[in-house]
Amino acid sequence: MISKKVISLFTFGILLILVGAISKLFNWPQSNVVIAIGLVFEILAVLVFIWNKLKK
């Protein structure tokens, strides 16, 4: 079962990527930073998921 920490990191990463994509449409200068932070949260979620699978 996926832990709440993985779901939380995953959904927050998706939210940041969506906000970054929408802000890119409005030519917001920091949109690339928001997208990059979203991708970092996605990578963290995958790493925590894999770590939990390897621990079992």
C-alpha atoms as a PDB file:
ATOM      1  CA  MET A   1       0.000   0.000   0.000  1.00  0.00           C
ATOM      2  CA  ILE A   2       1.216   3.479  -0.804  1.00  0.00           C
ATOM      3  CA  SER A   3       1.957   5.533   2.289  1.00  0.00           C
ATOM      4  CA  LYS A   4       0.400   8.911   2.952  1.00  0.00           C
ATOM      5  CA  LYS A   5       3.814  10.559   2.597  1.00  0.00           C
ATOM      6  CA  VAL A   6       4.169   9.317  -0.987  1.00  0.00           C
ATOM      7  CA  ILE A   7       0.642  10.413  -1.897  1.00  0.00           C
ATOM      8  CA  SER A   8       1.237  13.818  -0.331  1.00  0.00           C
ATOM      9  CA  LEU A   9       4.525  14.376  -2.187  1.00  0.00           C
ATOM     10  CA  PHE A  10       3.002  13.159  -5.438  1.00  0.00           C
ATOM     11  CA  THR A  11      -0.092  15.369  -5.274  1.00  0.00           C
ATOM     12  CA  PHE A  12       1.895  18.444  -4.212  1.00  0.00           C
ATOM     13  CA  GLY A  13       4.293  17.856  -7.108  1.00  0.00           C
ATOM     14  CA  ILE A  14       1.411  17.555  -9.561  1.00  0.00           C
ATOM     15  CA  LEU A  15      -0.129  20.743  -8.149  1.00  0.00           C
ATOM     16  CA  LEU A  16       3.143  22.654  -8.593  1.00  0.00           C
ATOM     17  CA  ILE A  17       3.562  21.392 -12.153  1.00  0.00           C
ATOM     18  CA  LEU A  18      -0.007  22.454 -13.006  1.00  0.00           C
ATOM     19  CA  VAL A  19       0.484  25.892 -11.433  1.00  0.00           C
ATOM     20  CA  GLY A  20       3.753  26.282 -13.333  1.00  0.00           C
ATOM     21  CA  ALA A  21       2.134  25.303 -16.618  1.00  0.00           C
ATOM     22  CA  ILE A  22      -0.742  27.723 -16.117  1.00  0.00           C
ATOM     23  CA  SER A  23       1.617  30.519 -15.083  1.00  0.00           C
ATOM     24  CA  LYS A  24       3.703  29.849 -18.191  1.00  0.00           C
ATOM     25  CA  LEU A  25       0.637  30.762 -20.255  1.00  0.00           C
ATOM     26  CA  PHE A  26       0.576  34.156 -18.515  1.00  0.00           C
ATOM     27  CA  ASN A  27       4.345  34.684 -19.040  1.00  0.00           C
ATOM     28  CA  TRP A  28       5.163  34.662 -15.342  1.00  0.00           C
ATOM     29  CA  PRO A  29       8.987  34.781 -15.003  1.00  0.00           C
ATOM     30  CA  GLN A  30       9.168  32.232 -12.147  1.00  0.00           C
ATOM     31  CA  SER A  31       7.083  29.571 -13.857  1.00  0.00           C
ATOM     32  CA  ASN A  32      10.138  27.452 -14.727  1.00  0.00           C
ATOM     33  CA  VAL A  33      11.183  27.437 -11.070  1.00  0.00           C
ATOM     34  CA  VAL A  34       7.725  26.266  -9.981  1.00  0.00           C
ATOM     35  CA  ILE A  35       7.768  23.477 -12.578  1.00  0.00           C
ATOM     36  CA  ALA A  36      11.268  22.425 -11.493  1.00  0.00           C
ATOM     37  CA  ILE A  37      10.242  22.286  -7.824  1.00  0.00           C
ATOM     38  CA  GLY A  38       7.219  20.202  -8.830  1.00  0.00           C
ATOM     39  CA  LEU A  39       9.488  17.765 -10.636  1.00  0.00           C
ATOM     40  CA  VAL A  40      11.726  17.535  -7.558  1.00  0.00           C
ATOM     41  CA  PHE A  41       8.700  16.599  -5.450  1.00  0.00           C
ATOM     42  CA  GLU A  42       7.742  13.964  -8.015  1.00  0.00           C
ATOM     43  CA  ILE A  43      11.249  12.477  -7.882  1.00  0.00           C
ATOM     44  CA  LEU A  44      11.132  12.473  -4.082  1.00  0.00           C
ATOM     45  CA  ALA A  45       7.798  10.648  -4.157  1.00  0.00           C
ATOM     46  CA  VAL A  46       9.218   7.996  -6.484  1.00  0.00           C
ATOM     47  CA  LEU A  47      12.328   7.574  -4.321  1.00  0.00           C
ATOM     48  CA  VAL A  48      10.278   7.214  -1.123  1.00  0.00           C
ATOM     49  CA  PHE A  49       8.000   4.699  -2.863  1.00  0.00           C
ATOM     50  CA  ILE A  50      10.969   2.640  -4.082  1.00  0.00           C
ATOM     51  CA  TRP A  51      12.657   2.855  -0.671  1.00  0.00           C
ATOM     52  CA  ASN A  52       9.513   1.547   1.030  1.00  0.00           C
ATOM     53  CA  LYS A  53       9.280  -1.317  -1.466  1.00  0.00           C
ATOM     54  CA  LEU A  54      12.934  -2.268  -0.933  1.00  0.00           C
ATOM     55  CA  LYS A  55      12.586  -2.179   2.849  1.00  0.00           C
ATOM     56  CA  LYS A  56       9.851  -4.844   2.695  1.00  0.00           C
END
